[in-house]
């Protein structure tokens, strides 16, 4: 049962990472659209949101990697 819980945790972390990457891409597109329309202040806000989302995505991916490594180490010890 712990194996399933551990797998679910890693999957949830990877899903969160993917969702943040998706948000980052969407915000980047909105930034580019606003830049094209010369709405520079709005473009900058969307660019910042995109950057923040990318950082969050990377953090979740790193957490998922760490959980996977820990899980693998525990499996090898057993």
Protein backbone atom coordinates (compact mmCIF):
# COMPACT_ATOMS: atom_id res chain seq x y z
CA UNK A 1 0.00 0.00 0.00
CA UNK A 2 2.88 2.37 0.73
CA UNK A 3 4.17 1.78 -2.82
CA UNK A 4 0.87 3.06 -4.20
CA UNK A 5 0.89 6.09 -1.90
CA UNK A 6 4.46 6.88 -2.90
CA UNK A 7 3.63 6.53 -6.59
CA UNK A 8 0.56 8.72 -6.17
CA UNK A 9 2.68 11.40 -4.50
CA UNK A 10 5.20 11.42 -7.35
CA UNK A 11 2.40 11.50 -9.93
CA UNK A 12 0.71 14.39 -8.13
CA UNK A 13 3.96 16.35 -8.02
CA UNK A 14 4.59 15.74 -11.73
CA UNK A 15 1.00 16.75 -12.52
CA UNK A 16 1.45 20.00 -10.59
CA UNK A 17 4.66 20.64 -12.49
CA UNK A 18 2.91 20.09 -15.82
CA UNK A 19 0.05 22.38 -14.83
CA UNK A 20 2.46 25.17 -13.94
CA UNK A 21 4.37 24.71 -17.21
CA UNK A 22 1.05 24.93 -19.01
CA UNK A 23 0.17 28.16 -17.17
CA UNK A 24 3.63 29.54 -17.93
CA UNK A 25 3.18 28.89 -21.64
CA UNK A 26 -0.26 30.49 -21.66
CA UNK A 27 1.00 33.57 -19.79
CA UNK A 28 3.92 33.84 -22.19
CA UNK A 29 1.51 33.86 -25.15
CA UNK A 30 -0.55 36.55 -23.46
CA UNK A 31 2.62 38.56 -22.84
CA UNK A 32 3.57 38.31 -26.51
CA UNK A 33 0.09 39.29 -27.67
CA UNK A 34 0.12 42.33 -25.41
CA UNK A 35 3.62 43.26 -26.52
CA UNK A 36 2.48 43.11 -30.14
CA UNK A 37 -0.41 45.42 -29.25
CA UNK A 38 2.06 47.74 -27.49
CA UNK A 39 0.47 47.15 -24.09
CA UNK A 40 3.90 47.00 -22.50
CA UNK A 41 2.83 47.23 -18.87
CA UNK A 42 0.36 44.37 -19.27
CA UNK A 43 2.89 42.39 -21.32
CA UNK A 44 5.43 42.75 -18.51
CA UNK A 45 2.93 41.50 -15.93
CA UNK A 46 2.15 38.41 -18.01
CA UNK A 47 5.85 37.82 -18.60
CA UNK A 48 6.45 37.95 -14.85
CA UNK A 49 3.57 35.55 -14.24
CA UNK A 50 5.05 33.21 -16.83
CA UNK A 51 8.43 33.34 -15.14
CA UNK A 52 6.90 32.71 -11.70
CA UNK A 53 4.95 29.75 -13.07
CA UNK A 54 8.09 28.32 -14.67
CA UNK A 55 9.91 28.54 -11.34
CA UNK A 56 7.02 26.80 -9.57
CA UNK A 57 6.97 24.11 -12.25
CA UNK A 58 10.67 23.48 -11.80
CA UNK A 59 10.26 23.25 -8.03
CA UNK A 60 7.51 20.64 -8.36
CA UNK A 61 9.60 18.70 -10.89
CA UNK A 62 12.58 18.75 -8.52
CA UNK A 63 10.38 17.55 -5.65
CA UNK A 64 9.07 14.74 -7.83
CA UNK A 65 12.64 13.77 -8.76
CA UNK A 66 13.67 13.79 -5.11
CA UNK A 67 10.67 11.64 -4.13
CA UNK A 68 11.46 9.21 -6.94
CA UNK A 69 15.09 8.95 -5.84
CA UNK A 70 14.10 8.41 -2.24
CA UNK A 71 11.57 5.78 -3.28
CA UNK A 72 14.21 4.00 -5.37
CA UNK A 73 16.71 4.03 -2.50
CA UNK A 74 14.12 2.55 -0.15
CA UNK A 75 13.29 -0.14 -2.69
CA UNK A 76 16.96 -1.07 -3.05
CA UNK A 77 17.39 -1.32 0.72
CA UNK A 78 14.50 -3.79 1.03
